[in-house]
């Protein structure tokens, strides 16, 4: 593999546009965090509803009502 030392620069020689490129990467991160929160709460809500339905079916299924 050939070594390329032509592109090595001192830190002061690096253009300042790299800072804006790093900050623009975080915009997608905030979108992913928000989407994860929304999807997470939705899944928890659906699982909770399914759990309550199963619990109610078991509770009502074992309940016996005797009519005199």
Protein backbone atom coordinates (compact mmCIF):
# COMPACT_ATOMS: atom_id res chain seq x y z
CA UNK A 1 0.00 0.00 0.00
CA UNK A 2 1.44 3.37 -0.98
CA UNK A 3 1.79 6.01 1.73
CA UNK A 4 0.48 9.44 0.82
CA UNK A 5 1.97 12.16 3.01
CA UNK A 6 1.04 15.02 0.69
CA UNK A 7 -2.31 15.64 2.36
CA UNK A 8 -0.94 15.99 5.92
CA UNK A 9 -1.59 19.48 7.30
CA UNK A 10 -1.21 21.20 10.60
CA UNK A 11 -4.38 21.71 12.61
CA UNK A 12 -4.29 25.45 11.95
CA UNK A 13 -4.29 24.79 8.20
CA UNK A 14 -7.57 22.87 8.26
CA UNK A 15 -10.44 24.97 6.90
CA UNK A 16 -13.16 25.98 9.36
CA UNK A 17 -15.96 24.43 7.28
CA UNK A 18 -15.33 21.10 9.00
CA UNK A 19 -16.96 22.38 12.18
CA UNK A 20 -20.28 22.98 10.40
CA UNK A 21 -20.10 19.54 8.81
CA UNK A 22 -19.78 17.92 12.23
CA UNK A 23 -22.72 19.91 13.64
CA UNK A 24 -24.95 19.01 10.70
CA UNK A 25 -24.52 15.31 11.57
CA UNK A 26 -26.49 15.84 14.79
CA UNK A 27 -29.68 16.86 12.98
CA UNK A 28 -30.31 13.27 11.95
CA UNK A 29 -29.50 12.11 15.47
CA UNK A 30 -32.27 14.25 17.00
CA UNK A 31 -34.71 12.92 14.42
CA UNK A 32 -33.77 9.34 15.30
CA UNK A 33 -34.14 10.03 19.02
CA UNK A 34 -37.60 11.56 18.52
CA UNK A 35 -38.66 8.68 16.27
CA UNK A 36 -37.39 6.17 18.81
CA UNK A 37 -39.42 7.82 21.58
CA UNK A 38 -42.60 7.86 19.51
CA UNK A 39 -42.21 4.27 18.31
CA UNK A 40 -41.23 3.10 21.79
CA UNK A 41 -44.29 4.61 23.44
CA UNK A 42 -46.52 3.24 20.68
CA UNK A 43 -45.17 -0.28 21.12
CA UNK A 44 -45.52 -0.03 24.91
CA UNK A 45 -49.13 1.11 24.49
CA UNK A 46 -49.98 -1.78 22.17
CA UNK A 47 -48.29 -4.33 24.44
CA UNK A 48 -50.08 -2.88 27.45
CA UNK A 49 -53.45 -3.12 25.69
CA UNK A 50 -52.78 -6.73 24.68
CA UNK A 51 -51.71 -7.54 28.23
CA UNK A 52 -54.89 -6.05 29.69
CA UNK A 53 -57.06 -7.98 27.20
CA UNK A 54 -55.36 -11.25 28.15
CA UNK A 55 -55.67 -10.45 31.85
CA UNK A 56 -59.37 -9.59 31.52
CA UNK A 57 -60.08 -12.77 29.54
CA UNK A 58 -58.40 -14.86 32.22
CA UNK A 59 -60.15 -12.99 35.03
CA UNK A 60 -63.60 -13.17 33.44
CA UNK A 61 -63.05 -16.75 32.25
CA UNK A 62 -62.55 -18.02 35.78
CA UNK A 63 -65.40 -15.93 37.17
CA UNK A 64 -68.55 -17.92 37.77
CA UNK A 65 -71.88 -16.27 38.37
CA UNK A 66 -74.56 -18.35 40.06
CA UNK A 67 -78.09 -17.16 39.45
CA UNK A 68 -80.47 -18.38 42.19
